[in-house]
Amino acid sequence: MSAAVLPVRPSSRSPFERAALVPGWTTARWGYDGVLECFWAELVGPRGEVVRIGPEHLLTTVTALARALAVSARVPEDEAYLALTA
């Protein structure tokens, strides 16, 4: 009797990148690093300033990323969380 072959599905740890709408920032993007298994974010301000929350911080949850984003972007935590998830 042969074993059944299951279809290959993408891992939930697959990398991705998405836009975010962070109040007061011109552009923002965030994503997941599939190699380091953590989240990251990058913001560009109206005067060209760049804030990067890189994978070296090893933020493993969206909530942790939202908190770091709130501090870095100087916005309330709930607005940072909504910027990532809405």
Protein backbone atom coordinates (compact mmCIF):
# COMPACT_ATOMS: atom_id res chain seq x y z
CA MET A 1 0.00 0.00 0.00
CA SER A 2 1.45 3.38 -0.97
CA ALA A 3 1.33 6.49 1.16
CA ALA A 4 -0.93 9.34 0.06
CA VAL A 5 0.83 12.39 -1.32
CA LEU A 6 -0.44 15.63 0.17
CA PRO A 7 -0.40 18.82 -1.91
CA VAL A 8 2.35 21.28 -1.07
CA ARG A 9 0.94 24.42 0.53
CA PRO A 10 2.86 27.64 1.12
CA SER A 11 4.17 27.92 4.63
CA SER A 12 2.52 30.39 6.97
CA ARG A 13 6.04 31.71 7.44
CA SER A 14 6.35 32.78 3.80
CA PRO A 15 7.80 36.27 3.39
CA PHE A 16 5.56 39.14 2.35
CA GLU A 17 5.55 42.92 2.01
CA ARG A 18 2.60 45.31 2.35
CA ALA A 19 1.92 49.03 2.36
CA ALA A 20 0.87 50.75 5.58
CA LEU A 21 -0.94 54.04 6.14
CA VAL A 22 0.89 55.59 9.08
CA PRO A 23 -0.38 59.07 10.02
CA GLY A 24 2.21 61.78 9.33
CA TRP A 25 4.41 59.63 7.08
CA THR A 26 4.59 59.88 3.28
CA THR A 27 5.11 56.18 2.62
CA ALA A 28 5.35 53.14 4.80
CA ARG A 29 5.77 49.46 4.18
CA TRP A 30 6.09 46.43 6.38
CA GLY A 31 6.53 42.74 5.97
CA TYR A 32 7.76 39.43 7.20
CA ASP A 33 11.27 38.03 6.80
CA GLY A 34 10.86 34.32 6.15
CA VAL A 35 14.50 33.52 6.86
CA LEU A 36 14.71 35.24 10.24
CA GLU A 37 11.01 34.60 10.96
CA CYS A 38 10.26 38.13 12.14
CA PHE A 39 8.50 41.32 11.07
CA TRP A 40 10.06 44.58 9.83
CA ALA A 41 8.88 48.07 8.80
CA GLU A 42 10.23 51.05 6.89
CA LEU A 43 8.80 54.60 6.91
CA VAL A 44 9.64 57.66 4.84
CA GLY A 45 8.65 61.05 6.18
CA PRO A 46 7.58 64.19 4.31
CA ARG A 47 11.12 65.66 4.56
CA GLY A 48 12.74 62.43 3.37
CA GLU A 49 13.64 61.07 6.80
CA VAL A 50 13.70 57.28 6.97
CA VAL A 51 12.84 55.10 9.94
CA ARG A 52 13.67 51.42 9.68
CA ILE A 53 12.63 48.76 12.14
CA GLY A 54 14.74 45.95 10.81
CA PRO A 55 14.75 42.22 11.26
CA GLU A 56 17.68 42.58 13.65
CA HIS A 57 15.05 43.41 16.31
CA LEU A 58 13.49 39.94 15.84
CA LEU A 59 9.91 41.14 16.33
CA THR A 60 7.92 37.92 16.06
CA THR A 61 4.35 39.28 16.36
CA VAL A 62 2.40 42.01 14.60
CA THR A 63 1.61 43.48 18.03
CA ALA A 64 5.33 43.83 18.81
CA LEU A 65 5.90 45.49 15.44
CA ALA A 66 2.99 47.87 16.07
CA ARG A 67 4.46 48.89 19.43
CA ALA A 68 7.90 49.52 17.90
CA LEU A 69 6.27 51.41 15.04
CA ALA A 70 4.29 53.58 17.47
CA VAL A 71 7.47 54.61 19.29
CA SER A 72 9.47 55.19 16.10
CA ALA A 73 6.71 57.06 14.24
CA ARG A 74 5.49 58.90 17.34
CA VAL A 75 1.89 57.78 16.90
CA PRO A 76 -0.48 56.08 19.37
CA GLU A 77 -0.19 52.27 19.56
CA ASP A 78 -3.74 51.73 18.33
CA GLU A 79 -3.09 53.86 15.21
CA ALA A 80 0.14 51.95 14.52
CA TYR A 81 -1.68 48.63 14.84
CA LEU A 82 -4.47 49.78 12.52
CA ALA A 83 -1.89 51.04 10.00
CA LEU A 84 -0.55 47.49 9.76
CA THR A 85 -3.78 45.54 9.83
CA ALA A 86 -6.52 47.70 8.28
